[in-house]
Structure formats: C-alpha cells, structure tokens
Amino acid sequence: MKKKKGTDVSFCGPFKELLQEFVRFKCSLGYNYYTEAVILERFTRMAVDIEPTETSLSKSIVQKWMKLRPNETDTYWDHRINTLKQFAVYLVNTGRKAYVPHVYRRINRNRFTPHIFTFKELQAFFHTCDTMSNNRAKTTKAVVFPVLFRVLYATGMRISEALSLKLCDIDSTRKILTIRNGKGEKDRLIPLTDGVMSYISTLIHTLHLTSSMDIYLFCKNNGGKYDKATIYSNFRTILWKSGISHGGKAYGPRVHDFRHTFAVHSLRNMVLSGKDVYCALPVLSTYLGHSSVEATERYVKLTSDCFPAVTEKIEEVSKFLFPEVFRETD
C-alpha cells in the first residue's frame, strides 16, 4: 500500500492555501510530513471554530492551540505545538506576519542516556528467550522472539524496521536483509553474519515452509505483524526473568537500546581492530541509516564510558566530539 504524504491531507478555512504551500515545501525537502499535516488539519478546524474570519496566525489563536488538553501526553503536546511553531517560522521567513511561540518543551529528549547492555546481560537475556514457552496454543512468540531480539542486537535495526520485514526482504544466498521505507523513507541493505542468518533460516523453516513471500518474517500465528506494544510487554518480562533491572517507564532499558548497544559494540570492535575513528563513524552512520555522521558521533562517548580500554585510542577525538547529552531520535 502506498505510503500517505502530507499533501494527501485536506485543510479548511482561511489558512488552507498557506498550509498547502507549507506542506508542499516540507515534502519538497524530502519529509513525508503526513503526521504533521494531520495535526495542522486539526488546527485549521479549531481556527475556523473560534476565529472564522482570521487570516493571520495571531497570538490569540496560537495560545488557544497551545493549551494542554485533558489526558494529553507531554510527548504529543510537544509534537503538536512545535508543528505549529514550524508553520509560524515558515510564514515569517516568507514575509508574512505570524506569532511565533516560545516553547518550553515538556519533555527533554536531550537528557536521555541509553542503556548499553553488557555481554553478561545479553547472555542472560538470550538464554531466557531460548527457554521461554508458549502460554497459549495460538502464539508464535517462543519461536519468533529469540530470533527477533537477536536480529535487533546483531544488526542495530529499529524495531519498526524489523517488524516490517517480509520474506521477500531476505536474501539467504547473499545473507542480506533489505530495509524498505525506513526512517526518512530510506531503503538500505543489512549484511548478516553466518550466525544470524542461521537463526533466521531456522525461523523460516519452522514458520514459513508454506508461506507466500509477502508474509511478515516475524509474524503472529495468523500471519499478521506483531505490534510494538506486544513486543515491549514481553521484553519487560524477559528482562525481569533475566535479572536485569528496569527503571520504569521512560527510564529503560528499552527495546531501542539494542540498537544503541549494537552501535557501541560495533564502534568498540572497529577501534580495537585498529580502524581510525574518523573512518569508522561514516561506515557506522551509513549502516545505521542515520541522516548525518553527527547523529553517530554520540556513540563515541558511550563507547568510551562502557569500555575504558578503548579510551586511549579515541580520547583525542572525544575532546571535541562528545556532547554532554544524547538525543533519542536515532
């Protein structure tokens, strides 16, 4: 099914043409912008209800939009307000009058520090995965989860990318996975080790002997895709059974930390094998599907923190590469 774009959304009211122009501009830069366009569509409905003849982005309209709604999460509020702020900045930059709100974020992603699994923790986690059993007859988790979590750690792919893999994305001969429409709508190839390919092959022979090529690799009994909430719930259970403490919601470890762990362990291995960190970072950045090397540079500090033995090899780089914070957008 074709992925929707921001331009597929219909706006209403006096801001209709301006928003159409703004969203076309965002899409021309390569953004999908569908989620943000839906938010702005809701804004136009609110604006028509309270100021049906207002044609400028006034302070009163913006402040009404900024009010926290009942049961609204800080994350969604942050996204909703900053989407409108981007529109306001665009209007000002193109010579129109608009009130640009000064937004203090309710969430601070920059202060997040990912959990880097130790080798001992990984061993315990995968042992628990391998010994788990099905509590219900119609579930594939005992077969799927040991492979899924190993693939996440061994490849560094995002959980959304892994859950979207289909059988047609697996090239067993060349030992390559194809990620389609990843973050930023990018496709990329993921090479696999013999060990990881062996696990995937076992999964295919167990679940997919008669499956069509458009079936999800990590599928439920009905062939459907597992949702992230189910994965996270079982992930928490496996952590507990493995003796790995969890700090509670928003503190982790989280499923996404397998990606961070992969990056840190990969950088460690490259540095210890004698590769220059300047050469290692672009390779790792491309592999992870980052939009820039800057997003990958943050792993240098994490590698130094987790593996002091490599500190001497990268300390000269770390003096100016290390930010004090870690952004959770990778």
Foldseek 3Di string as FASTA:
>chain_A
DDDAALLVDAADALCRVLLNVVSVVVVVVLDRCNVLSVLVNVLRVVCCVPPRPDNAADPVSLVVQLDDDPPDDLVVSQSSSVSVLVSQVVQVVVPHDHDRDDDDRPDDLFAADADADDPLLVVLLLVLLQPDDDPDPFWCSNLQVSLLLVCCLQQLEDSVQLLQFFQLQADLVQQKGWRALDVSRDIDITHDDPVSSVSLVVLCVVQPPPPDRNFGSRATSVSHTDDPVVVFVVSVVSCVSSVHDAPDPPRDPTSSSSSLNNLLVQLVVCLVVPHQSVVVQVVSCVSHVHPDSLLSLCSVVVNCVVDVVSCVSCVVVCVPSHDPTHRPPD
